[in-house]
Amino acid sequence: MIKELTKAEEQIMLILWEMGEALVKDVIEKMKEPKPAYNTVSTVVRVLEGKGFVDHKAIGNTYIYFPIIKEADYKHFALDKVMNNYFENSYESLVSFLVKEKSMSNKELNELIQLAEKLKKDK
């Protein structure tokens, strides 16, 4: 079962999903300033390992970390959580929110409708 990520964990997972695999120092290099300390990132990576999001392979004394939860699977989990908690599992409520609160243009709305129709056909 997928667990919710903290902001720090999510930031590291986004980097690992992008890179495929990385050393802790590689993850830090990809992070924005101010960069966290090596020990901080290393601790978060080990927490992610404990949560079942990443695994590692050892090469000598060096650990190379890689994701074992797919980014798409986490996106589904996160969207389901948002839909359930904020939109009563209603895509109509979600789209209504996007149109009203995010000033979605008619063009964007039409593109969204076309995409939904295409995806429905492809199912």
PDB file of N, CA and C in Angstrom:
ATOM      1  N   MET A   1       0.829  -1.192   0.000  1.00  0.00           N
ATOM      2  CA  MET A   1       0.000   0.000   0.000  1.00  0.00           C
ATOM      3  C   MET A   1       0.873   1.254   0.000  1.00  0.00           C
ATOM      4  N   ILE A   2       0.507   2.211  -0.830  1.00  0.00           N
ATOM      5  CA  ILE A   2       1.252   3.459  -0.940  1.00  0.00           C
ATOM      6  C   ILE A   2       0.892   4.364   0.237  1.00  0.00           C
ATOM      7  N   LYS A   3       1.919   4.997   0.787  1.00  0.00           N
ATOM      8  CA  LYS A   3       1.731   5.934   1.889  1.00  0.00           C
ATOM      9  C   LYS A   3       1.951   7.350   1.371  1.00  0.00           C
ATOM     10  N   GLU A   4       1.380   8.309   2.089  1.00  0.00           N
ATOM     11  CA  GLU A   4       1.552   9.715   1.709  1.00  0.00           C
ATOM     12  C   GLU A   4       2.987  10.154   1.997  1.00  0.00           C
ATOM     13  N   LEU A   5       3.512  10.992   1.119  1.00  0.00           N
ATOM     14  CA  LEU A   5       4.864  11.512   1.277  1.00  0.00           C
ATOM     15  C   LEU A   5       4.833  12.897   1.915  1.00  0.00           C
ATOM     16  N   THR A   6       5.849  13.187   2.709  1.00  0.00           N
ATOM     17  CA  THR A   6       6.035  14.549   3.198  1.00  0.00           C
ATOM     18  C   THR A   6       6.582  15.380   2.033  1.00  0.00           C
ATOM     19  N   LYS A   7       6.623  16.678   2.211  1.00  0.00           N
ATOM     20  CA  LYS A   7       7.144  17.567   1.163  1.00  0.00           C
ATOM     21  C   LYS A   7       8.605  17.222   0.829  1.00  0.00           C
ATOM     22  N   ALA A   8       9.419  16.990   1.847  1.00  0.00           N
ATOM     23  CA  ALA A   8      10.834  16.644   1.626  1.00  0.00           C
ATOM     24  C   ALA A   8      10.964  15.306   0.911  1.00  0.00           C
ATOM     25  N   GLU A   9      10.156  14.332   1.312  1.00  0.00           N
ATOM     26  CA  GLU A   9      10.194  13.016   0.665  1.00  0.00           C
ATOM     27  C   GLU A   9       9.763  13.118  -0.786  1.00  0.00           C
ATOM     28  N   GLU A  10       8.712  13.898  -1.028  1.00  0.00           N
ATOM     29  CA  GLU A  10       8.215  14.065  -2.390  1.00  0.00           C
ATOM     30  C   GLU A  10       9.265  14.731  -3.280  1.00  0.00           C
ATOM     31  N   GLN A  11       9.941  15.726  -2.747  1.00  0.00           N
ATOM     32  CA  GLN A  11      10.989  16.421  -3.509  1.00  0.00           C
ATOM     33  C   GLN A  11      12.083  15.429  -3.939  1.00  0.00           C
ATOM     34  N   ILE A  12      12.483  14.567  -3.042  1.00  0.00           N
ATOM     35  CA  ILE A  12      13.519  13.579  -3.352  1.00  0.00           C
ATOM     36  C   ILE A  12      12.987  12.534  -4.327  1.00  0.00           C
ATOM     37  N   MET A  13      11.748  12.105  -4.147  1.00  0.00           N
ATOM     38  CA  MET A  13      11.172  11.119  -5.072  1.00  0.00           C
ATOM     39  C   MET A  13      11.074  11.681  -6.485  1.00  0.00           C
ATOM     40  N   LEU A  14      10.703  12.939  -6.627  1.00  0.00           N
ATOM     41  CA  LEU A  14      10.630  13.541  -7.959  1.00  0.00           C
ATOM     42  C   LEU A  14      11.987  13.488  -8.653  1.00  0.00           C
ATOM     43  N   ILE A  15      13.031  13.708  -7.887  1.00  0.00           N
ATOM     44  CA  ILE A  15      14.386  13.639  -8.444  1.00  0.00           C
ATOM     45  C   ILE A  15      14.737  12.200  -8.815  1.00  0.00           C
ATOM     46  N   LEU A  16      14.438  11.254  -7.933  1.00  0.00           N
ATOM     47  CA  LEU A  16      14.741   9.852  -8.231  1.00  0.00           C
ATOM     48  C   LEU A  16      13.931   9.339  -9.421  1.00  0.00           C
ATOM     49  N   TRP A  17      12.663   9.750  -9.532  1.00  0.00           N
ATOM     50  CA  TRP A  17      11.865   9.341 -10.692  1.00  0.00           C
ATOM     51  C   TRP A  17      12.467   9.902 -11.975  1.00  0.00           C
ATOM     52  N   GLU A  18      12.946  11.131 -11.892  1.00  0.00           N
ATOM     53  CA  GLU A  18      13.554  11.758 -13.075  1.00  0.00           C
ATOM     54  C   GLU A  18      14.875  11.070 -13.451  1.00  0.00           C
ATOM     55  N   MET A  19      15.698  10.779 -12.462  1.00  0.00           N
ATOM     56  CA  MET A  19      17.031  10.240 -12.720  1.00  0.00           C
ATOM     57  C   MET A  19      17.044   8.722 -12.910  1.00  0.00           C
ATOM     58  N   GLY A  20      16.080   8.025 -12.324  1.00  0.00           N
ATOM     59  CA  GLY A  20      16.074   6.567 -12.409  1.00  0.00           C
ATOM     60  C   GLY A  20      16.830   5.914 -11.273  1.00  0.00           C
ATOM     61  N   GLU A  21      18.024   6.395 -11.012  1.00  0.00           N
ATOM     62  CA  GLU A  21      18.816   5.951  -9.860  1.00  0.00           C
ATOM     63  C   GLU A  21      19.839   7.035  -9.571  1.00  0.00           C
ATOM     64  N   ALA A  22      20.281   7.101  -8.312  1.00  0.00           N
ATOM     65  CA  ALA A  22      21.199   8.177  -7.943  1.00  0.00           C
ATOM     66  C   ALA A  22      21.854   7.900  -6.600  1.00  0.00           C
ATOM     67  N   LEU A  23      23.028   8.470  -6.459  1.00  0.00           N
ATOM     68  CA  LEU A  23      23.681   8.547  -5.161  1.00  0.00           C
ATOM     69  C   LEU A  23      23.055   9.713  -4.402  1.00  0.00           C
ATOM     70  N   VAL A  24      23.204   9.746  -3.093  1.00  0.00           N
ATOM     71  CA  VAL A  24      22.676  10.857  -2.303  1.00  0.00           C
ATOM     72  C   VAL A  24      23.252  12.173  -2.817  1.00  0.00           C
ATOM     73  N   LYS A  25      24.536  12.204  -3.155  1.00  0.00           N
ATOM     74  CA  LYS A  25      25.151  13.454  -3.627  1.00  0.00           C
ATOM     75  C   LYS A  25      24.550  13.900  -4.955  1.00  0.00           C
ATOM     76  N   ASP A  26      24.132  12.947  -5.800  1.00  0.00           N
ATOM     77  CA  ASP A  26      23.479  13.291  -7.067  1.00  0.00           C
ATOM     78  C   ASP A  26      22.116  13.937  -6.815  1.00  0.00           C
ATOM     79  N   VAL A  27      21.401  13.407  -5.832  1.00  0.00           N
ATOM     80  CA  VAL A  27      20.099  13.971  -5.469  1.00  0.00           C
ATOM     81  C   VAL A  27      20.290  15.404  -5.000  1.00  0.00           C
ATOM     82  N   ILE A  28      21.278  15.628  -4.136  1.00  0.00           N
ATOM     83  CA  ILE A  28      21.546  16.971  -3.601  1.00  0.00           C
ATOM     84  C   ILE A  28      21.882  17.937  -4.727  1.00  0.00           C
ATOM     85  N   GLU A  29      22.666  17.495  -5.702  1.00  0.00           N
ATOM     86  CA  GLU A  29      23.029  18.362  -6.830  1.00  0.00           C
ATOM     87  C   GLU A  29      21.804  18.851  -7.589  1.00  0.00           C
ATOM     88  N   LYS A  30      20.764  18.032  -7.665  1.00  0.00           N
ATOM     89  CA  LYS A  30      19.544  18.390  -8.402  1.00  0.00           C
ATOM     90  C   LYS A  30      18.605  19.287  -7.590  1.00  0.00           C
ATOM     91  N   MET A  31      18.855  19.416  -6.296  1.00  0.00           N
ATOM     92  CA  MET A  31      17.973  20.193  -5.428  1.00  0.00           C
ATOM     93  C   MET A  31      18.258  21.685  -5.568  1.00  0.00           C
ATOM     94  N   LYS A  32      17.214  22.482  -5.299  1.00  0.00           N
ATOM     95  CA  LYS A  32      17.341  23.933  -5.374  1.00  0.00           C
ATOM     96  C   LYS A  32      18.048  24.470  -4.136  1.00  0.00           C
ATOM     97  N   GLU A  33      18.602  25.655  -4.282  1.00  0.00           N
ATOM     98  CA  GLU A  33      19.234  26.345  -3.159  1.00  0.00           C
ATOM     99  C   GLU A  33      18.157  26.828  -2.194  1.00  0.00           C
ATOM    100  N   PRO A  34      18.394  26.899  -0.926  1.00  0.00           N
ATOM    101  CA  PRO A  34      19.566  26.373  -0.231  1.00  0.00           C
ATOM    102  C   PRO A  34      19.493  24.848  -0.141  1.00  0.00           C
ATOM    103  N   LYS A  35      20.571  24.201  -0.514  1.00  0.00           N
ATOM    104  CA  LYS A  35      20.611  22.740  -0.523  1.00  0.00           C
ATOM    105  C   LYS A  35      20.719  22.212   0.913  1.00  0.00           C
ATOM    106  N   PRO A  36      19.963  21.159   1.207  1.00  0.00           N
ATOM    107  CA  PRO A  36      20.044  20.585   2.558  1.00  0.00           C
ATOM    108  C   PRO A  36      21.378  19.856   2.765  1.00  0.00           C
ATOM    109  N   ALA A  37      21.680  19.586   4.010  1.00  0.00           N
ATOM    110  CA  ALA A  37      22.905  18.867   4.346  1.00  0.00           C
ATOM    111  C   ALA A  37      22.827  17.422   3.842  1.00  0.00           C
ATOM    112  N   TYR A  38      23.987  16.853   3.560  1.00  0.00           N
ATOM    113  CA  TYR A  38      24.079  15.467   3.083  1.00  0.00           C
ATOM    114  C   TYR A  38      23.352  14.522   4.037  1.00  0.00           C
ATOM    115  N   ASN A  39      23.603  14.667   5.339  1.00  0.00           N
ATOM    116  CA  ASN A  39      22.987  13.764   6.327  1.00  0.00           C
ATOM    117  C   ASN A  39      21.465  13.878   6.328  1.00  0.00           C
ATOM    118  N   THR A  40      20.944  15.076   6.083  1.00  0.00           N
ATOM    119  CA  THR A  40      19.498  15.275   6.030  1.00  0.00           C
ATOM    120  C   THR A  40      18.900  14.487   4.870  1.00  0.00           C
ATOM    121  N   VAL A  41      19.492  14.635   3.690  1.00  0.00           N
ATOM    122  CA  VAL A  41      18.995  13.935   2.500  1.00  0.00           C
ATOM    123  C   VAL A  41      19.145  12.429   2.683  1.00  0.00           C
ATOM    124  N   SER A  42      20.273  12.014   3.209  1.00  0.00           N
ATOM    125  CA  SER A  42      20.519  10.592   3.441  1.00  0.00           C
ATOM    126  C   SER A  42      19.461  10.002   4.381  1.00  0.00           C
ATOM    127  N   THR A  43      19.111  10.738   5.422  1.00  0.00           N
ATOM    128  CA  THR A  43      18.087  10.281   6.370  1.00  0.00           C
ATOM    129  C   THR A  43      16.731  10.159   5.674  1.00  0.00           C
ATOM    130  N   VAL A  44      16.365  11.148   4.869  1.00  0.00           N
ATOM    131  CA  VAL A  44      15.072  11.114   4.176  1.00  0.00           C
ATOM    132  C   VAL A  44      15.037   9.941   3.191  1.00  0.00           C
ATOM    133  N   VAL A  45      16.145   9.694   2.511  1.00  0.00           N
ATOM    134  CA  VAL A  45      16.207   8.567   1.571  1.00  0.00           C
ATOM    135  C   VAL A  45      16.006   7.246   2.318  1.00  0.00           C
ATOM    136  N   ARG A  46      16.608   7.121   3.487  1.00  0.00           N
ATOM    137  CA  ARG A  46      16.425   5.895   4.274  1.00  0.00           C
ATOM    138  C   ARG A  46      14.985   5.763   4.767  1.00  0.00           C
ATOM    139  N   VAL A  47      14.345   6.886   5.094  1.00  0.00           N
ATOM    140  CA  VAL A  47      12.927   6.856   5.480  1.00  0.00           C
ATOM    141  C   VAL A  47      12.089   6.381   4.281  1.00  0.00           C
ATOM    142  N   LEU A  48      12.408   6.899   3.092  1.00  0.00           N
ATOM    143  CA  LEU A  48      11.705   6.467   1.876  1.00  0.00           C
ATOM    144  C   LEU A  48      11.898   4.973   1.634  1.00  0.00           C
ATOM    145  N   GLU A  49      13.065   4.489   1.953  1.00  0.00           N
ATOM    146  CA  GLU A  49      13.338   3.052   1.826  1.00  0.00           C
ATOM    147  C   GLU A  49      12.460   2.272   2.809  1.00  0.00           C
ATOM    148  N   GLY A  50      12.349   2.786   4.015  1.00  0.00           N
ATOM    149  CA  GLY A  50      11.511   2.149   5.025  1.00  0.00           C
ATOM    150  C   GLY A  50      10.033   2.156   4.657  1.00  0.00           C
ATOM    151  N   LYS A  51       9.607   3.187   3.939  1.00  0.00           N
ATOM    152  CA  LYS A  51       8.214   3.286   3.493  1.00  0.00           C
ATOM    153  C   LYS A  51       7.952   2.457   2.238  1.00  0.00           C
ATOM    154  N   GLY A  52       9.015   1.877   1.677  1.00  0.00           N
ATOM    155  CA  GLY A  52       8.836   1.038   0.494  1.00  0.00           C
ATOM    156  C   GLY A  52       8.831   1.788  -0.824  1.00  0.00           C
ATOM    157  N   PHE A  53       9.333   3.024  -0.829  1.00  0.00           N
ATOM    158  CA  PHE A  53       9.372   3.815  -2.060  1.00  0.00           C
ATOM    159  C   PHE A  53      10.661   3.611  -2.846  1.00  0.00           C
ATOM    160  N   VAL A  54      11.757   3.379  -2.150  1.00  0.00           N
ATOM    161  CA  VAL A  54      13.048   3.202  -2.822  1.00  0.00           C
ATOM    162  C   VAL A  54      13.753   1.963  -2.280  1.00  0.00           C
ATOM    163  N   ASP A  55      14.704   1.520  -3.073  1.00  0.00           N
ATOM    164  CA  ASP A  55      15.604   0.451  -2.654  1.00  0.00           C
ATOM    165  C   ASP A  55      17.003   0.897  -3.059  1.00  0.00           C
ATOM    166  N   HIS A  56      17.987   0.096  -2.737  1.00  0.00           N
ATOM    167  CA  HIS A  56      19.351   0.469  -3.096  1.00  0.00           C
ATOM    168  C   HIS A  56      20.128  -0.753  -3.539  1.00  0.00           C
ATOM    169  N   LYS A  57      21.191  -0.463  -4.259  1.00  0.00           N
ATOM    170  CA  LYS A  57      22.179  -1.495  -4.544  1.00  0.00           C
ATOM    171  C   LYS A  57      23.508  -0.962  -4.040  1.00  0.00           C
ATOM    172  N   ALA A  58      24.255  -1.846  -3.417  1.00  0.00           N
ATOM    173  CA  ALA A  58      25.540  -1.455  -2.835  1.00  0.00           C
ATOM    174  C   ALA A  58      26.657  -1.756  -3.815  1.00  0.00           C
ATOM    175  N   ILE A  59      27.505  -0.768  -4.018  1.00  0.00           N
ATOM    176  CA  ILE A  59      28.726  -0.957  -4.793  1.00  0.00           C
ATOM    177  C   ILE A  59      29.850  -0.511  -3.869  1.00  0.00           C
ATOM    178  N   GLY A  60      30.517  -1.499  -3.277  1.00  0.00           N
ATOM    179  CA  GLY A  60      31.500  -1.185  -2.243  1.00  0.00           C
ATOM    180  C   GLY A  60      30.791  -0.556  -1.062  1.00  0.00           C
ATOM    181  N   ASN A  61      31.286   0.611  -0.637  1.00  0.00           N
ATOM    182  CA  ASN A  61      30.666   1.332   0.480  1.00  0.00           C
ATOM    183  C   ASN A  61      29.615   2.339   0.010  1.00  0.00           C
ATOM    184  N   THR A  62      29.330   2.348  -1.288  1.00  0.00           N
ATOM    185  CA  THR A  62      28.422   3.334  -1.863  1.00  0.00           C
ATOM    186  C   THR A  62      27.061   2.716  -2.148  1.00  0.00           C
ATOM    187  N   TYR A  63      26.007   3.443  -1.825  1.00  0.00           N
ATOM    188  CA  TYR A  63      24.646   2.990  -2.113  1.00  0.00           C
ATOM    189  C   TYR A  63      24.077   3.810  -3.258  1.00  0.00           C
ATOM    190  N   ILE A  64      23.548   3.108  -4.237  1.00  0.00           N
ATOM    191  CA  ILE A  64      22.830   3.748  -5.332  1.00  0.00           C
ATOM    192  C   ILE A  64      21.352   3.470  -5.098  1.00  0.00           C
ATOM    193  N   TYR A  65      20.573   4.544  -4.978  1.00  0.00           N
ATOM    194  CA  TYR A  65      19.148   4.425  -4.680  1.00  0.00           C
ATOM    195  C   TYR A  65      18.323   4.521  -5.953  1.00  0.00           C
ATOM    196  N   PHE A  66      17.218   3.783  -5.981  1.00  0.00           N
ATOM    197  CA  PHE A  66      16.325   3.799  -7.132  1.00  0.00           C
ATOM    198  C   PHE A  66      14.886   3.601  -6.652  1.00  0.00           C
ATOM    199  N   PRO A  67      13.924   4.211  -7.370  1.00  0.00           N
ATOM    200  CA  PRO A  67      12.520   4.092  -6.959  1.00  0.00           C
ATOM    201  C   PRO A  67      11.970   2.702  -7.242  1.00  0.00           C
ATOM    202  N   ILE A  68      11.132   2.221  -6.336  1.00  0.00           N
ATOM    203  CA  ILE A  68      10.427   0.957  -6.593  1.00  0.00           C
ATOM    204  C   ILE A  68       8.916   1.188  -6.688  1.00  0.00           C
ATOM    205  N   ILE A  69       8.472   2.386  -6.326  1.00  0.00           N
ATOM    206  CA  ILE A  69       7.089   2.806  -6.576  1.00  0.00           C
ATOM    207  C   ILE A  69       7.143   3.679  -7.826  1.00  0.00           C
ATOM    208  N   LYS A  70       6.302   3.371  -8.791  1.00  0.00           N
ATOM    209  CA  LYS A  70       6.278   4.162 -10.029  1.00  0.00           C
ATOM    210  C   LYS A  70       5.636   5.514  -9.766  1.00  0.00           C
ATOM    211  N   GLU A  71       6.145   6.512 -10.489  1.00  0.00           N
ATOM    212  CA  GLU A  71       5.599   7.864 -10.360  1.00  0.00           C
ATOM    213  C   GLU A  71       4.105   7.876 -10.690  1.00  0.00           C
ATOM    214  N   ALA A  72       3.711   7.158 -11.731  1.00  0.00           N
ATOM    215  CA  ALA A  72       2.292   7.113 -12.128  1.00  0.00           C
ATOM    216  C   ALA A  72       1.425   6.541 -11.011  1.00  0.00           C
ATOM    217  N   ASP A  73       1.943   5.535 -10.303  1.00  0.00           N
ATOM    218  CA  ASP A  73       1.177   4.944  -9.191  1.00  0.00           C
ATOM    219  C   ASP A  73       0.988   5.956  -8.063  1.00  0.00           C
ATOM    220  N   TYR A  74       2.034   6.747  -7.775  1.00  0.00           N
ATOM    221  CA  TYR A  74       1.894   7.758  -6.728  1.00  0.00           C
ATOM    222  C   TYR A  74       0.947   8.869  -7.171  1.00  0.00           C
ATOM    223  N   LYS A  75       0.997   9.238  -8.449  1.00  0.00           N
ATOM    224  CA  LYS A  75       0.075  10.253  -8.965  1.00  0.00           C
ATOM    225  C   LYS A  75      -1.373   9.800  -8.783  1.00  0.00           C
ATOM    226  N   HIS A  76      -1.653   8.535  -9.089  1.00  0.00           N
ATOM    227  CA  HIS A  76      -3.007   8.002  -8.896  1.00  0.00           C
ATOM    228  C   HIS A  76      -3.413   8.086  -7.431  1.00  0.00           C
ATOM    229  N   PHE A  77      -2.503   7.682  -6.550  1.00  0.00           N
ATOM    230  CA  PHE A  77      -2.765   7.730  -5.109  1.00  0.00           C
ATOM    231  C   PHE A  77      -3.057   9.165  -4.669  1.00  0.00           C
ATOM    232  N   ALA A  78      -2.203  10.106  -5.099  1.00  0.00           N
ATOM    233  CA  ALA A  78      -2.346  11.503  -4.686  1.00  0.00           C
ATOM    234  C   ALA A  78      -3.633  12.114  -5.233  1.00  0.00           C
ATOM    235  N   LEU A  79      -3.945  11.826  -6.500  1.00  0.00           N
ATOM    236  CA  LEU A  79      -5.173  12.360  -7.089  1.00  0.00           C
ATOM    237  C   LEU A  79      -6.396  11.788  -6.382  1.00  0.00           C
ATOM    238  N   ASP A  80      -6.381  10.488  -6.111  1.00  0.00           N
ATOM    239  CA  ASP A  80      -7.498   9.870  -5.397  1.00  0.00           C
ATOM    240  C   ASP A  80      -7.708  10.533  -4.037  1.00  0.00           C
ATOM    241  N   LYS A  81      -6.609  10.843  -3.357  1.00  0.00           N
ATOM    242  CA  LYS A  81      -6.699  11.481  -2.045  1.00  0.00           C
ATOM    243  C   LYS A  81      -7.309  12.879  -2.164  1.00  0.00           C
ATOM    244  N   VAL A  82      -6.829  13.660  -3.141  1.00  0.00           N
ATOM    245  CA  VAL A  82      -7.367  15.006  -3.353  1.00  0.00           C
ATOM    246  C   VAL A  82      -8.842  14.930  -3.738  1.00  0.00           C
ATOM    247  N   MET A  83      -9.160  14.017  -4.659  1.00  0.00           N
ATOM    248  CA  MET A  83     -10.551  13.879  -5.097  1.00  0.00           C
ATOM    249  C   MET A  83     -11.457  13.530  -3.920  1.00  0.00           C
ATOM    250  N   ASN A  84     -11.023  12.604  -3.093  1.00  0.00           N
ATOM    251  CA  ASN A  84     -11.824  12.158  -1.949  1.00  0.00           C
ATOM    252  C   ASN A  84     -11.947  13.250  -0.890  1.00  0.00           C
ATOM    253  N   ASN A  85     -10.827  13.896  -0.563  1.00  0.00           N
ATOM    254  CA  ASN A  85     -10.818  14.862   0.535  1.00  0.00           C
ATOM    255  C   ASN A  85     -11.411  16.221   0.176  1.00  0.00           C
ATOM    256  N   TYR A  86     -11.297  16.641  -1.087  1.00  0.00           N
ATOM    257  CA  TYR A  86     -11.679  18.000  -1.440  1.00  0.00           C
ATOM    258  C   TYR A  86     -12.809  18.106  -2.465  1.00  0.00           C
ATOM    259  N   PHE A  87     -13.067  17.055  -3.210  1.00  0.00           N
ATOM    260  CA  PHE A  87     -14.051  17.153  -4.286  1.00  0.00           C
ATOM    261  C   PHE A  87     -15.115  16.056  -4.223  1.00  0.00           C
ATOM    262  N   GLU A  88     -15.267  15.417  -3.076  1.00  0.00           N
ATOM    263  CA  GLU A  88     -16.275  14.385  -2.858  1.00  0.00           C
ATOM    264  C   GLU A  88     -16.302  13.343  -3.981  1.00  0.00           C
ATOM    265  N   ASN A  89     -15.116  13.017  -4.490  1.00  0.00           N
ATOM    266  CA  ASN A  89     -14.944  12.044  -5.593  1.00  0.00           C
ATOM    267  C   ASN A  89     -15.720  12.439  -6.843  1.00  0.00           C
ATOM    268  N   SER A  90     -15.927  13.717  -7.046  1.00  0.00           N
ATOM    269  CA  SER A  90     -16.676  14.212  -8.196  1.00  0.00           C
ATOM    270  C   SER A  90     -15.747  14.958  -9.143  1.00  0.00           C
ATOM    271  N   TYR A  91     -15.583  14.411 -10.340  1.00  0.00           N
ATOM    272  CA  TYR A  91     -14.763  15.099 -11.338  1.00  0.00           C
ATOM    273  C   TYR A  91     -15.445  16.384 -11.779  1.00  0.00           C
ATOM    274  N   GLU A  92     -16.766  16.403 -11.714  1.00  0.00           N
ATOM    275  CA  GLU A  92     -17.507  17.628 -12.038  1.00  0.00           C
ATOM    276  C   GLU A  92     -17.100  18.737 -11.069  1.00  0.00           C
ATOM    277  N   SER A  93     -16.988  18.407  -9.781  1.00  0.00           N
ATOM    278  CA  SER A  93     -16.559  19.393  -8.782  1.00  0.00           C
ATOM    279  C   SER A  93     -15.135  19.856  -9.052  1.00  0.00           C
ATOM    280  N   LEU A  94     -14.275  18.933  -9.445  1.00  0.00           N
ATOM    281  CA  LEU A  94     -12.891  19.281  -9.748  1.00  0.00           C
ATOM    282  C   LEU A  94     -12.823  20.238 -10.931  1.00  0.00           C
ATOM    283  N   VAL A  95     -13.508  19.903 -12.014  1.00  0.00           N
ATOM    284  CA  VAL A  95     -13.480  20.755 -13.206  1.00  0.00           C
ATOM    285  C   VAL A  95     -14.109  22.106 -12.894  1.00  0.00           C
ATOM    286  N   SER A  96     -15.192  22.105 -12.140  1.00  0.00           N
ATOM    287  CA  SER A  96     -15.835  23.353 -11.739  1.00  0.00           C
ATOM    288  C   SER A  96     -14.845  24.226 -10.969  1.00  0.00           C
ATOM    289  N   PHE A  97     -14.099  23.624 -10.061  1.00  0.00           N
ATOM    290  CA  PHE A  97     -13.087  24.350  -9.294  1.00  0.00           C
ATOM    291  C   PHE A  97     -12.037  24.941 -10.225  1.00  0.00           C
ATOM    292  N   LEU A  98     -11.558  24.132 -11.169  1.00  0.00           N
ATOM    293  CA  LEU A  98     -10.524  24.604 -12.096  1.00  0.00           C
ATOM    294  C   LEU A  98     -11.015  25.789 -12.929  1.00  0.00           C
ATOM    295  N   VAL A  99     -12.238  25.682 -13.399  1.00  0.00           N
ATOM    296  CA  VAL A  99     -12.797  26.749 -14.227  1.00  0.00           C
ATOM    297  C   VAL A  99     -12.980  28.024 -13.411  1.00  0.00           C
ATOM    298  N   LYS A 100     -13.562  27.898 -12.206  1.00  0.00           N
ATOM    299  CA  LYS A 100     -13.856  29.075 -11.390  1.00  0.00           C
ATOM    300  C   LYS A 100     -12.611  29.664 -10.730  1.00  0.00           C
ATOM    301  N   GLU A 101     -11.867  28.812 -10.034  1.00  0.00           N
ATOM    302  CA  GLU A 101     -10.782  29.297  -9.180  1.00  0.00           C
ATOM    303  C   GLU A 101      -9.464  29.517  -9.922  1.00  0.00           C
ATOM    304  N   LYS A 102      -9.263  28.815 -10.990  1.00  0.00           N
ATOM    305  CA  LYS A 102      -7.992  28.920 -11.706  1.00  0.00           C
ATOM    306  C   LYS A 102      -8.149  29.632 -13.048  1.00  0.00           C
ATOM    307  N   SER A 103      -9.289  30.269 -13.225  1.00  0.00           N
ATOM    308  CA  SER A 103      -9.559  31.052 -14.431  1.00  0.00           C
ATOM    309  C   SER A 103      -9.218  30.287 -15.708  1.00  0.00           C
ATOM    310  N   MET A 104      -9.714  29.080 -15.791  1.00  0.00           N
ATOM    311  CA  MET A 104      -9.485  28.251 -16.966  1.00  0.00           C
ATOM    312  C   MET A 104     -10.184  28.892 -18.161  1.00  0.00           C
ATOM    313  N   SER A 105      -9.462  29.083 -19.237  1.00  0.00           N
ATOM    314  CA  SER A 105     -10.031  29.719 -20.422  1.00  0.00           C
ATOM    315  C   SER A 105     -10.950  28.748 -21.163  1.00  0.00           C
ATOM    316  N   ASN A 106     -11.786  29.292 -22.048  1.00  0.00           N
ATOM    317  CA  ASN A 106     -12.652  28.442 -22.874  1.00  0.00           C
ATOM    318  C   ASN A 106     -11.820  27.485 -23.710  1.00  0.00           C
ATOM    319  N   LYS A 107     -10.697  27.974 -24.232  1.00  0.00           N
ATOM    320  CA  LYS A 107      -9.818  27.131 -25.049  1.00  0.00           C
ATOM    321  C   LYS A 107      -9.305  25.948 -24.223  1.00  0.00           C
ATOM    322  N   GLU A 108      -8.826  26.240 -23.006  1.00  0.00           N
ATOM    323  CA  GLU A 108      -8.328  25.173 -22.133  1.00  0.00           C
ATOM    324  C   GLU A 108      -9.443  24.199 -21.762  1.00  0.00           C
ATOM    325  N   LEU A 109     -10.625  24.723 -21.495  1.00  0.00           N
ATOM    326  CA  LEU A 109     -11.759  23.876 -21.152  1.00  0.00           C
ATOM    327  C   LEU A 109     -12.127  22.964 -22.328  1.00  0.00           C
ATOM    328  N   ASN A 110     -12.156  23.516 -23.534  1.00  0.00           N
ATOM    329  CA  ASN A 110     -12.446  22.701 -24.722  1.00  0.00           C
ATOM    330  C   ASN A 110     -11.383  21.629 -24.939  1.00  0.00           C
ATOM    331  N   GLU A 111     -10.114  21.983 -24.706  1.00  0.00           N
ATOM    332  CA  GLU A 111      -9.038  20.996 -24.830  1.00  0.00           C
ATOM    333  C   GLU A 111      -9.221  19.875 -23.808  1.00  0.00           C
ATOM    334  N   LEU A 112      -9.627  20.242 -22.605  1.00  0.00           N
ATOM    335  CA  LEU A 112      -9.867  19.246 -21.556  1.00  0.00           C
ATOM    336  C   LEU A 112     -11.017  18.318 -21.951  1.00  0.00           C
ATOM    337  N   ILE A 113     -12.077  18.885 -22.491  1.00  0.00           N
ATOM    338  CA  ILE A 113     -13.224  18.078 -22.931  1.00  0.00           C
ATOM    339  C   ILE A 113     -12.801  17.136 -24.055  1.00  0.00           C
ATOM    340  N   GLN A 114     -12.036  17.648 -25.024  1.00  0.00           N
ATOM    341  CA  GLN A 114     -11.571  16.812 -26.129  1.00  0.00           C
ATOM    342  C   GLN A 114     -10.682  15.682 -25.625  1.00  0.00           C
ATOM    343  N   LEU A 115      -9.813  15.998 -24.688  1.00  0.00           N
ATOM    344  CA  LEU A 115      -8.942  14.971 -24.116  1.00  0.00           C
ATOM    345  C   LEU A 115      -9.762  13.905 -23.395  1.00  0.00           C
ATOM    346  N   ALA A 116     -10.743  14.337 -22.616  1.00  0.00           N
ATOM    347  CA  ALA A 116     -11.595  13.374 -21.895  1.00  0.00           C
ATOM    348  C   ALA A 116     -12.345  12.484 -22.870  1.00  0.00           C
ATOM    349  N   GLU A 117     -12.865  13.068 -23.941  1.00  0.00           N
ATOM    350  CA  GLU A 117     -13.584  12.268 -24.945  1.00  0.00           C
ATOM    351  C   GLU A 117     -12.650  11.267 -25.633  1.00  0.00           C
ATOM    352  N   LYS A 118     -11.429  11.712 -25.930  1.00  0.00           N
ATOM    353  CA  LYS A 118     -10.446  10.827 -26.570  1.00  0.00           C
ATOM    354  C   LYS A 118     -10.088   9.671 -25.638  1.00  0.00           C
ATOM    355  N   LEU A 119      -9.830   9.983 -24.387  1.00  0.00           N
ATOM    356  CA  LEU A 119      -9.458   8.957 -23.418  1.00  0.00           C
ATOM    357  C   LEU A 119     -10.591   7.970 -23.196  1.00  0.00           C
ATOM    358  N   LYS A 120     -11.823   8.473 -23.217  1.00  0.00           N
ATOM    359  CA  LYS A 120     -12.986   7.609 -23.037  1.00  0.00           C
ATOM    360  C   LYS A 120     -13.107   6.626 -24.210  1.00  0.00           C
ATOM    361  N   LYS A 121     -12.867   7.118 -25.436  1.00  0.00           N
ATOM    362  CA  LYS A 121     -12.906   6.270 -26.632  1.00  0.00           C
ATOM    363  C   LYS A 121     -11.824   5.190 -26.581  1.00  0.00           C
ATOM    364  N   ASP A 122     -10.637   5.584 -26.130  1.00  0.00           N
ATOM    365  CA  ASP A 122      -9.486   4.674 -26.110  1.00  0.00           C
ATOM    366  C   ASP A 122      -9.600   3.583 -25.052  1.00  0.00           C
ATOM    367  N   LYS A 123     -10.496   3.773 -24.085  1.00  0.00           N
ATOM    368  CA  LYS A 123     -10.644   2.797 -22.989  1.00  0.00           C
ATOM    369  C   LYS A 123     -11.119   1.463 -23.453  1.00  0.00           C
TER     370      LYS A 123
END
